[in-house]
N, C-alpha and C. Protein backbone atom coordinates (compact mmCIF):
# COMPACT_ATOMS: atom_id res chain seq x y z
N MET A 1 215.61 31.21 51.25
CA MET A 1 215.51 32.26 50.28
C MET A 1 214.81 31.73 49.03
N THR A 2 213.82 32.53 48.47
CA THR A 2 213.11 32.17 47.25
C THR A 2 213.68 32.90 46.20
N ASN A 3 213.23 32.43 44.95
CA ASN A 3 213.63 32.92 43.80
C ASN A 3 212.27 33.46 43.01
N PRO A 4 211.96 34.70 43.31
CA PRO A 4 210.53 35.08 42.77
C PRO A 4 210.49 35.56 41.33
N ALA A 5 209.48 35.56 40.64
CA ALA A 5 209.09 36.21 39.35
C ALA A 5 207.79 36.96 39.46
N LEU A 6 207.71 38.11 38.93
CA LEU A 6 206.40 38.87 38.84
C LEU A 6 205.71 38.39 37.62
N LEU A 7 204.44 37.89 37.79
CA LEU A 7 203.61 37.41 36.51
C LEU A 7 202.65 38.63 36.37
N VAL A 8 202.63 39.03 35.02
CA VAL A 8 201.80 40.08 34.64
C VAL A 8 200.77 39.43 33.52
N MET A 9 199.60 39.10 34.00
CA MET A 9 198.72 38.19 33.23
C MET A 9 197.46 38.84 32.68
N ASP A 10 197.32 38.66 31.29
CA ASP A 10 196.17 39.17 30.55
C ASP A 10 195.93 40.74 30.60
N VAL A 11 197.14 41.48 30.83
CA VAL A 11 197.07 42.83 30.75
C VAL A 11 197.23 43.36 29.34
N GLN A 12 196.28 42.95 28.58
CA GLN A 12 196.14 43.22 27.14
C GLN A 12 195.17 44.39 26.76
N GLN A 13 195.27 45.08 25.73
CA GLN A 13 194.62 46.30 25.45
C GLN A 13 192.98 45.96 25.44
N ALA A 14 192.46 44.81 24.82
CA ALA A 14 191.13 44.59 24.86
C ALA A 14 190.64 44.27 26.18
N ILE A 15 191.35 43.77 27.08
CA ILE A 15 191.02 43.46 28.50
C ILE A 15 191.07 44.68 29.38
N THR A 16 192.22 45.46 29.28
CA THR A 16 192.22 46.64 30.15
C THR A 16 191.23 47.72 29.86
N GLU A 17 190.76 47.64 28.56
CA GLU A 17 189.71 48.66 28.27
C GLU A 17 188.38 48.44 29.07
N ARG A 18 188.26 47.30 29.62
CA ARG A 18 187.11 47.01 30.40
C ARG A 18 187.23 47.22 31.79
N VAL A 19 188.47 47.59 32.30
CA VAL A 19 188.74 47.85 33.70
C VAL A 19 188.26 49.28 34.06
N PRO A 20 187.33 49.49 34.99
CA PRO A 20 186.87 50.84 35.31
C PRO A 20 187.84 51.64 36.11
N ASP A 21 188.85 51.00 36.65
CA ASP A 21 190.07 51.68 37.45
C ASP A 21 191.01 52.35 36.52
N PRO A 22 190.99 53.67 36.34
CA PRO A 22 192.04 54.24 35.44
C PRO A 22 193.38 54.23 36.10
N GLY A 23 193.55 53.97 37.34
CA GLY A 23 194.83 53.84 38.04
C GLY A 23 195.43 52.55 37.90
N PHE A 24 194.72 51.59 37.38
CA PHE A 24 195.21 50.06 37.33
C PHE A 24 196.61 50.00 36.64
N THR A 25 196.56 50.47 35.47
CA THR A 25 197.83 50.16 34.69
C THR A 25 199.11 50.96 35.26
N PRO A 26 198.88 52.16 35.61
CA PRO A 26 200.01 52.98 36.19
C PRO A 26 200.47 52.41 37.53
N ARG A 27 199.52 51.95 38.36
CA ARG A 27 199.97 51.19 39.60
C ARG A 27 200.68 49.94 39.26
N LEU A 28 200.25 49.20 38.26
CA LEU A 28 201.00 47.90 37.88
C LEU A 28 202.31 48.23 37.44
N ALA A 29 202.37 49.25 36.63
CA ALA A 29 203.72 49.73 36.03
C ALA A 29 204.73 50.02 37.13
N ARG A 30 204.28 50.51 38.27
CA ARG A 30 205.23 50.83 39.39
C ARG A 30 205.70 49.38 39.96
N ALA A 31 204.94 48.31 39.93
CA ALA A 31 205.35 47.07 40.41
C ALA A 31 206.36 46.57 39.37
N VAL A 32 206.03 46.70 38.14
CA VAL A 32 207.00 46.19 37.19
C VAL A 32 208.31 46.87 37.26
N ALA A 33 208.34 48.22 37.35
CA ALA A 33 209.61 48.94 37.46
C ALA A 33 210.37 48.59 38.72
N ALA A 34 209.57 48.34 39.74
CA ALA A 34 210.25 47.94 41.14
C ALA A 34 210.92 46.45 40.95
N ALA A 35 210.18 45.63 40.18
CA ALA A 35 210.77 44.30 40.13
C ALA A 35 211.99 44.29 39.12
N ARG A 36 211.94 45.08 38.19
CA ARG A 36 213.20 45.15 37.29
C ARG A 36 214.33 45.73 38.11
N THR A 37 214.10 46.79 38.85
CA THR A 37 215.19 47.49 39.60
C THR A 37 215.84 46.45 40.61
N ALA A 38 214.94 45.54 41.28
CA ALA A 38 215.39 44.58 42.22
C ALA A 38 215.90 43.37 41.60
N GLY A 39 215.85 43.29 40.18
CA GLY A 39 216.39 42.02 39.51
C GLY A 39 215.39 40.89 39.65
N VAL A 40 214.19 41.17 39.86
CA VAL A 40 213.10 40.08 39.88
C VAL A 40 212.58 39.96 38.45
N PRO A 41 212.67 38.82 37.87
CA PRO A 41 212.17 38.65 36.47
C PRO A 41 210.66 38.96 36.37
N VAL A 42 210.30 39.61 35.21
CA VAL A 42 208.97 39.90 34.94
C VAL A 42 208.60 38.95 33.75
N VAL A 43 207.43 38.16 34.00
CA VAL A 43 207.04 37.26 33.02
C VAL A 43 205.67 37.62 32.59
N TYR A 44 205.46 37.76 31.33
CA TYR A 44 204.09 38.22 30.84
C TYR A 44 203.32 36.95 30.36
N VAL A 45 202.14 37.00 30.59
CA VAL A 45 201.26 35.85 30.23
C VAL A 45 200.05 36.52 29.42
N VAL A 46 199.88 36.03 28.17
CA VAL A 46 198.86 36.65 27.27
C VAL A 46 197.96 35.52 26.74
N LEU A 47 196.73 35.97 26.49
CA LEU A 47 195.88 35.06 25.86
C LEU A 47 196.03 35.23 24.26
N GLY A 48 196.24 34.12 23.52
CA GLY A 48 196.42 34.14 22.13
C GLY A 48 196.09 32.81 21.45
N PHE A 49 195.60 33.03 20.17
CA PHE A 49 195.06 31.99 19.35
C PHE A 49 195.66 32.03 17.93
N ARG A 50 195.58 31.01 17.24
CA ARG A 50 195.85 30.91 15.85
C ARG A 50 194.71 31.54 15.09
N PRO A 51 194.86 32.04 13.89
CA PRO A 51 193.66 32.43 13.08
C PRO A 51 192.57 31.46 12.95
N GLY A 52 191.42 31.80 13.22
CA GLY A 52 190.27 30.87 13.05
C GLY A 52 190.05 30.24 14.49
N HIS A 53 190.91 30.36 15.57
CA HIS A 53 190.77 29.86 16.85
C HIS A 53 190.55 28.45 16.93
N PRO A 54 191.28 27.60 16.16
CA PRO A 54 190.98 26.16 16.25
C PRO A 54 191.15 25.52 17.65
N GLU A 55 192.17 26.20 18.50
CA GLU A 55 192.30 25.62 19.83
C GLU A 55 191.36 26.02 20.80
N ALA A 56 190.42 26.99 20.43
CA ALA A 56 189.39 27.45 21.31
C ALA A 56 188.01 27.00 20.99
N LYS A 57 187.83 26.35 19.92
CA LYS A 57 186.41 25.98 19.53
C LYS A 57 185.64 25.22 20.54
N SER A 58 186.27 24.44 21.39
CA SER A 58 185.50 23.64 22.41
C SER A 58 185.41 24.30 23.68
N SER A 59 186.05 25.51 23.85
CA SER A 59 185.99 26.26 25.10
C SER A 59 184.82 27.12 25.30
N PRO A 60 184.03 26.88 26.36
CA PRO A 60 182.88 27.71 26.76
C PRO A 60 183.35 29.18 26.80
N SER A 61 184.46 29.40 27.38
CA SER A 61 185.01 30.78 27.62
C SER A 61 185.33 31.47 26.54
N PHE A 62 186.05 30.78 25.56
CA PHE A 62 186.65 31.37 24.29
C PHE A 62 186.07 30.94 22.90
N GLY A 63 185.28 29.96 22.92
CA GLY A 63 184.81 29.42 21.60
C GLY A 63 183.93 30.38 20.79
N ALA A 64 183.38 31.35 21.58
CA ALA A 64 182.44 32.34 20.81
C ALA A 64 183.19 33.62 20.53
N LEU A 65 184.41 33.78 20.65
CA LEU A 65 185.12 35.09 20.37
C LEU A 65 185.12 35.13 18.82
N PRO A 66 184.92 36.40 18.49
CA PRO A 66 184.97 36.70 17.04
C PRO A 66 186.25 36.35 16.30
N ASP A 67 186.24 35.99 15.08
CA ASP A 67 187.55 35.67 14.32
C ASP A 67 188.32 36.91 14.44
N GLY A 68 189.62 36.73 14.52
CA GLY A 68 190.45 37.87 14.51
C GLY A 68 190.83 38.50 15.85
N THR A 69 190.20 38.06 16.90
CA THR A 69 190.47 38.54 18.20
C THR A 69 191.51 37.61 18.91
N PHE A 70 192.38 38.21 19.53
CA PHE A 70 193.52 37.64 20.37
C PHE A 70 194.40 36.84 19.35
N VAL A 71 194.55 37.16 18.20
CA VAL A 71 195.48 36.55 17.18
C VAL A 71 196.53 37.60 16.82
N GLU A 72 197.71 37.02 16.40
CA GLU A 72 198.80 37.86 15.95
C GLU A 72 198.25 39.03 15.12
N GLY A 73 198.70 40.26 15.34
CA GLY A 73 198.27 41.41 14.73
C GLY A 73 197.11 42.10 15.18
N ASP A 74 196.31 41.44 16.13
CA ASP A 74 195.08 42.11 16.74
C ASP A 74 195.63 43.22 17.71
N PRO A 75 195.19 44.44 17.42
CA PRO A 75 195.66 45.46 18.39
C PRO A 75 195.16 45.17 19.80
N GLY A 76 194.07 44.57 19.96
CA GLY A 76 193.52 44.37 21.42
C GLY A 76 194.30 43.24 22.02
N ALA A 77 195.08 42.46 21.24
CA ALA A 77 196.00 41.46 22.02
C ALA A 77 197.19 41.93 22.56
N ALA A 78 197.50 43.15 22.17
CA ALA A 78 198.89 43.72 22.53
C ALA A 78 198.94 44.09 24.03
N ILE A 79 200.09 43.82 24.62
CA ILE A 79 200.22 44.15 26.08
C ILE A 79 199.99 45.63 26.24
N HIS A 80 199.40 46.06 27.26
CA HIS A 80 199.15 47.55 27.60
C HIS A 80 200.59 48.23 27.56
N PRO A 81 200.65 49.36 26.91
CA PRO A 81 202.11 50.03 26.82
C PRO A 81 202.47 50.54 28.20
N ASP A 82 201.66 50.65 29.19
CA ASP A 82 202.13 51.08 30.52
C ASP A 82 203.05 49.96 31.12
N VAL A 83 202.84 48.71 30.79
CA VAL A 83 203.57 47.58 31.35
C VAL A 83 204.28 46.83 30.33
N ALA A 84 204.45 47.26 29.13
CA ALA A 84 205.01 46.56 27.91
C ALA A 84 206.39 45.95 28.37
N PRO A 85 206.59 44.77 27.86
CA PRO A 85 207.86 44.01 28.17
C PRO A 85 208.95 44.64 27.48
N ARG A 86 210.16 44.46 28.03
CA ARG A 86 211.37 44.94 27.58
C ARG A 86 212.02 43.67 26.81
N PRO A 87 212.94 43.95 25.88
CA PRO A 87 213.57 42.90 25.17
C PRO A 87 214.24 41.96 26.27
N GLY A 88 214.00 40.69 26.01
CA GLY A 88 214.62 39.68 26.93
C GLY A 88 213.61 39.15 27.92
N GLU A 89 212.57 39.87 28.09
CA GLU A 89 211.56 39.42 29.18
C GLU A 89 210.69 38.44 28.46
N SER A 90 210.22 37.36 29.19
CA SER A 90 209.50 36.41 28.67
C SER A 90 208.05 36.70 28.49
N VAL A 91 207.51 36.38 27.27
CA VAL A 91 206.10 36.48 27.09
C VAL A 91 205.57 35.04 26.70
N VAL A 92 204.60 34.63 27.53
CA VAL A 92 204.00 33.22 27.43
C VAL A 92 202.68 33.42 26.95
N THR A 93 202.30 32.65 25.98
CA THR A 93 200.97 32.68 25.29
C THR A 93 200.23 31.40 25.86
N LYS A 94 199.04 31.69 26.40
CA LYS A 94 198.05 30.61 27.08
C LYS A 94 196.89 30.56 26.07
N LYS A 95 196.19 29.41 26.35
CA LYS A 95 195.07 29.06 25.38
C LYS A 95 193.83 28.94 26.23
N ARG A 96 193.90 29.00 27.56
CA ARG A 96 192.73 28.90 28.40
C ARG A 96 192.82 29.93 29.46
N VAL A 97 191.99 29.88 30.52
CA VAL A 97 191.98 30.84 31.48
C VAL A 97 193.17 30.82 32.47
N SER A 98 193.69 29.63 32.88
CA SER A 98 194.85 29.42 33.68
C SER A 98 196.06 29.88 32.89
N ALA A 99 197.04 30.55 33.51
CA ALA A 99 198.22 30.82 32.78
C ALA A 99 199.10 29.63 32.40
N PHE A 100 198.79 28.52 33.00
CA PHE A 100 199.51 27.25 32.67
C PHE A 100 198.93 26.40 31.65
N ALA A 101 197.62 26.69 31.34
CA ALA A 101 196.92 25.87 30.37
C ALA A 101 197.23 26.23 28.91
N GLY A 102 197.82 25.21 28.37
CA GLY A 102 198.28 25.35 26.86
C GLY A 102 199.46 26.21 26.60
N SER A 103 200.21 26.40 27.81
CA SER A 103 201.48 27.25 27.66
C SER A 103 202.58 26.52 28.19
N ASP A 104 203.88 27.10 27.94
CA ASP A 104 205.02 26.60 28.42
C ASP A 104 205.59 27.37 29.73
N LEU A 105 204.61 28.01 30.45
CA LEU A 105 204.89 28.77 31.62
C LEU A 105 205.76 28.00 32.73
N ASP A 106 205.32 26.72 32.84
CA ASP A 106 206.00 26.09 33.93
C ASP A 106 207.51 25.77 33.51
N LEU A 107 207.73 25.50 32.19
CA LEU A 107 209.00 25.25 31.63
C LEU A 107 209.84 26.60 31.76
N VAL A 108 209.24 27.72 31.48
CA VAL A 108 210.07 28.98 31.56
C VAL A 108 210.41 29.25 33.02
N LEU A 109 209.55 29.06 33.92
CA LEU A 109 209.78 29.29 35.39
C LEU A 109 210.81 28.41 35.90
N ARG A 110 210.67 27.09 35.56
CA ARG A 110 211.57 26.08 36.16
C ARG A 110 212.98 26.38 35.52
N GLY A 111 212.99 26.71 34.29
CA GLY A 111 214.26 27.02 33.57
C GLY A 111 214.95 28.16 34.33
N GLY A 112 214.29 29.03 34.84
CA GLY A 112 214.80 30.15 35.49
C GLY A 112 214.96 29.88 37.11
N ALA A 113 214.79 28.68 37.47
CA ALA A 113 214.81 28.32 38.92
C ALA A 113 213.80 29.21 39.67
N ILE A 114 212.78 29.63 39.04
CA ILE A 114 211.74 30.32 39.87
C ILE A 114 210.94 29.45 40.80
N ASP A 115 210.76 29.86 42.04
CA ASP A 115 209.85 29.01 42.81
C ASP A 115 208.88 29.83 43.69
N HIS A 116 208.85 31.05 43.36
CA HIS A 116 207.91 31.98 44.08
C HIS A 116 207.24 32.88 43.08
N LEU A 117 205.90 32.77 42.86
CA LEU A 117 205.29 33.62 41.86
C LEU A 117 204.49 34.76 42.60
N VAL A 118 204.63 35.96 42.09
CA VAL A 118 204.02 37.08 42.43
C VAL A 118 202.95 37.43 41.43
N LEU A 119 201.70 37.18 41.73
CA LEU A 119 200.63 37.26 40.80
C LEU A 119 199.96 38.59 40.60
N THR A 120 199.70 39.04 39.43
CA THR A 120 199.01 40.24 39.12
C THR A 120 198.14 39.86 37.86
N GLY A 121 197.05 40.68 37.57
CA GLY A 121 196.45 40.29 36.26
C GLY A 121 194.92 40.67 36.34
N LEU A 122 194.33 40.51 35.16
CA LEU A 122 192.91 40.68 34.86
C LEU A 122 192.38 39.40 34.16
N ALA A 123 191.41 38.94 34.84
CA ALA A 123 190.65 39.32 36.01
C ALA A 123 191.02 38.41 37.14
N THR A 124 190.59 39.00 38.34
CA THR A 124 190.92 38.26 39.57
C THR A 124 190.21 36.93 39.51
N SER A 125 188.84 36.93 39.06
CA SER A 125 188.12 35.72 38.99
C SER A 125 188.41 34.92 37.66
N GLY A 126 189.26 35.52 36.82
CA GLY A 126 189.62 34.88 35.61
C GLY A 126 190.92 34.25 35.67
N VAL A 127 191.97 34.83 35.21
CA VAL A 127 193.28 34.28 35.16
C VAL A 127 193.85 34.22 36.62
N VAL A 128 193.72 35.00 37.39
CA VAL A 128 194.43 34.91 38.72
C VAL A 128 193.95 33.64 39.51
N LEU A 129 192.67 33.47 39.68
CA LEU A 129 192.17 32.31 40.45
C LEU A 129 192.70 31.00 39.98
N PRO A 130 192.44 30.61 38.67
CA PRO A 130 192.97 29.33 38.31
C PRO A 130 194.36 29.15 38.33
N THR A 131 195.13 30.31 37.93
CA THR A 131 196.60 30.24 37.94
C THR A 131 197.10 29.95 39.54
N LEU A 132 196.49 30.76 40.36
CA LEU A 132 196.90 30.47 41.74
C LEU A 132 196.67 29.07 42.19
N ARG A 133 195.53 28.52 41.86
CA ARG A 133 195.26 27.08 42.28
C ARG A 133 196.21 26.11 41.56
N GLN A 134 196.44 26.42 40.37
CA GLN A 134 197.37 25.37 39.62
C GLN A 134 198.79 25.62 40.15
N ALA A 135 199.24 26.72 40.39
CA ALA A 135 200.58 26.95 40.84
C ALA A 135 200.75 26.43 42.28
N ALA A 136 199.76 26.50 43.04
CA ALA A 136 199.81 25.84 44.38
C ALA A 136 200.01 24.38 44.27
N ASP A 137 199.25 23.75 43.47
CA ASP A 137 199.40 22.33 43.14
C ASP A 137 200.81 21.94 42.58
N LEU A 138 201.46 22.88 41.97
CA LEU A 138 202.72 22.67 41.34
C LEU A 138 203.80 23.11 42.35
N ASP A 139 203.47 23.44 43.57
CA ASP A 139 204.33 23.65 44.64
C ASP A 139 205.15 25.00 44.63
N TYR A 140 204.50 26.04 43.91
CA TYR A 140 205.15 27.28 43.98
C TYR A 140 204.77 28.09 45.10
N ARG A 141 205.57 28.92 45.79
CA ARG A 141 205.28 29.72 46.72
C ARG A 141 204.58 30.89 46.06
N LEU A 142 203.44 31.43 46.69
CA LEU A 142 202.57 32.35 45.97
C LEU A 142 202.46 33.66 46.81
N THR A 143 202.50 34.83 46.13
CA THR A 143 201.95 36.10 46.58
C THR A 143 201.13 36.73 45.55
N VAL A 144 199.99 37.32 46.02
CA VAL A 144 198.99 38.06 45.07
C VAL A 144 199.11 39.61 45.61
N LEU A 145 199.29 40.33 44.57
CA LEU A 145 199.20 41.74 44.65
C LEU A 145 197.80 42.18 44.47
N ALA A 146 197.07 42.32 45.55
CA ALA A 146 195.58 42.54 45.48
C ALA A 146 195.18 43.74 44.67
N ASP A 147 196.04 44.95 44.73
CA ASP A 147 195.70 45.93 43.85
C ASP A 147 196.43 45.93 42.54
N GLY A 148 196.99 44.81 42.30
CA GLY A 148 197.58 44.52 41.00
C GLY A 148 196.80 43.58 40.22
N CYS A 149 195.56 43.34 40.61
CA CYS A 149 194.61 42.49 40.13
C CYS A 149 193.28 43.36 39.93
N GLY A 150 192.38 42.96 39.07
CA GLY A 150 191.07 43.69 38.99
C GLY A 150 190.05 42.77 38.42
N ASP A 151 188.81 43.03 38.62
CA ASP A 151 187.75 42.24 38.31
C ASP A 151 186.49 43.09 37.98
N ALA A 152 185.73 42.77 37.10
CA ALA A 152 184.51 43.52 36.68
C ALA A 152 183.58 43.55 37.87
N ASP A 153 183.53 42.65 38.79
CA ASP A 153 182.77 42.57 39.96
C ASP A 153 183.59 42.89 41.30
N PRO A 154 183.55 44.07 41.83
CA PRO A 154 184.42 44.32 42.93
C PRO A 154 184.19 43.44 44.06
N GLU A 155 182.99 43.00 44.39
CA GLU A 155 182.75 42.00 45.52
C GLU A 155 183.33 40.73 45.28
N VAL A 156 183.40 40.26 44.03
CA VAL A 156 184.12 38.98 43.71
C VAL A 156 185.65 39.12 44.08
N HIS A 157 186.21 40.28 43.46
CA HIS A 157 187.55 40.60 43.84
C HIS A 157 187.83 40.61 45.29
N ARG A 158 187.08 41.26 46.04
CA ARG A 158 187.14 41.43 47.60
C ARG A 158 187.06 40.02 48.23
N VAL A 159 186.12 39.21 47.87
CA VAL A 159 186.07 37.93 48.43
C VAL A 159 187.29 36.95 48.16
N LEU A 160 187.76 37.07 46.85
CA LEU A 160 188.90 36.20 46.50
C LEU A 160 190.22 36.67 47.26
N THR A 161 190.43 38.04 47.24
CA THR A 161 191.67 38.49 47.80
C THR A 161 191.62 38.57 49.33
N GLU A 162 190.37 38.57 49.96
CA GLU A 162 190.33 38.59 51.46
C GLU A 162 190.03 37.24 52.03
N LYS A 163 189.34 36.33 51.35
CA LYS A 163 189.00 35.12 51.96
C LYS A 163 189.51 33.87 51.26
N VAL A 164 189.63 33.84 50.00
CA VAL A 164 189.95 32.67 49.30
C VAL A 164 191.47 32.52 49.13
N PHE A 165 192.12 33.51 48.50
CA PHE A 165 193.49 33.55 48.14
C PHE A 165 194.39 33.40 49.42
N PRO A 166 194.06 34.01 50.49
CA PRO A 166 194.98 33.84 51.71
C PRO A 166 195.23 32.43 52.14
N ARG A 167 194.32 31.48 51.81
CA ARG A 167 194.54 30.00 52.08
C ARG A 167 195.74 29.47 51.35
N GLN A 168 196.17 30.04 50.36
CA GLN A 168 197.25 29.39 49.49
C GLN A 168 198.33 30.47 49.20
N ALA A 169 198.05 31.72 49.54
CA ALA A 169 199.06 32.78 49.18
C ALA A 169 199.17 33.79 50.15
N ASP A 170 200.25 34.53 50.21
CA ASP A 170 200.45 35.83 50.78
C ASP A 170 199.64 36.78 49.99
N VAL A 171 198.73 37.59 50.54
CA VAL A 171 198.09 38.66 49.71
C VAL A 171 198.49 39.98 50.34
N THR A 172 198.90 40.98 49.50
CA THR A 172 199.53 42.16 49.90
C THR A 172 199.09 43.26 48.79
N THR A 173 199.64 44.44 48.99
CA THR A 173 199.56 45.51 48.08
C THR A 173 200.82 45.81 47.35
N ILE A 174 200.75 46.45 46.24
CA ILE A 174 201.91 46.82 45.55
C ILE A 174 202.89 47.47 46.37
N ASP A 175 202.51 48.53 47.05
CA ASP A 175 203.27 49.37 47.75
C ASP A 175 204.06 48.54 48.90
N THR A 176 203.34 47.68 49.52
CA THR A 176 203.87 46.79 50.54
C THR A 176 205.01 45.84 49.98
N TRP A 177 204.60 45.25 48.87
CA TRP A 177 205.50 44.38 48.17
C TRP A 177 206.86 45.13 47.74
N ILE A 178 206.69 46.31 47.21
CA ILE A 178 207.92 47.09 46.74
C ILE A 178 208.62 47.46 47.82
N SER A 179 208.12 47.80 48.98
CA SER A 179 208.90 48.21 50.21
C SER A 179 209.70 46.92 50.75
N GLY A 180 209.15 45.81 50.50
CA GLY A 180 209.97 44.59 50.87
C GLY A 180 211.01 44.16 49.99
N LEU A 181 211.08 44.80 48.68
CA LEU A 181 212.11 44.42 47.86
C LEU A 181 213.47 45.21 48.07
N ALA A 182 213.39 46.28 48.84
CA ALA A 182 214.52 47.17 49.19
C ALA A 182 215.41 46.49 50.22
């Protein structure tokens, strides 16, 4: 028996605004609701920086972000209201692309005896890919909800979910995952 947690990664206003699929957040909200009903912890991972982004200056990905983005008080940094955390649910702030980089995610998971991660997030080629790789190296069991992830390039999403991720994770849909919770 495993002890899973649903990870909702980078589902922040400024990021979801770039997703062309209007059904993404309502679909993900169903997964969040089902996890809560089944007693599966929901852990949120967000990108966040200090004012002036001192921890991002050397990053090719984040060094050029305009001041004020993804800092406390930035409306674009807020988790999308369709999947917003409830009191008591963990919100982990990361400083790089992987959910583990510059965060205390591993400590939060190990503290909850979590050994199985169910991954969702934006983007498939962004946060999901490096998080999956690092989690596999940390010996977590992995599931990816393919329709709980999204990418600006549908072909990249398809290749990752159909060819790359299955080497290290079970890849399924939100509906199939929910049906297995009952």
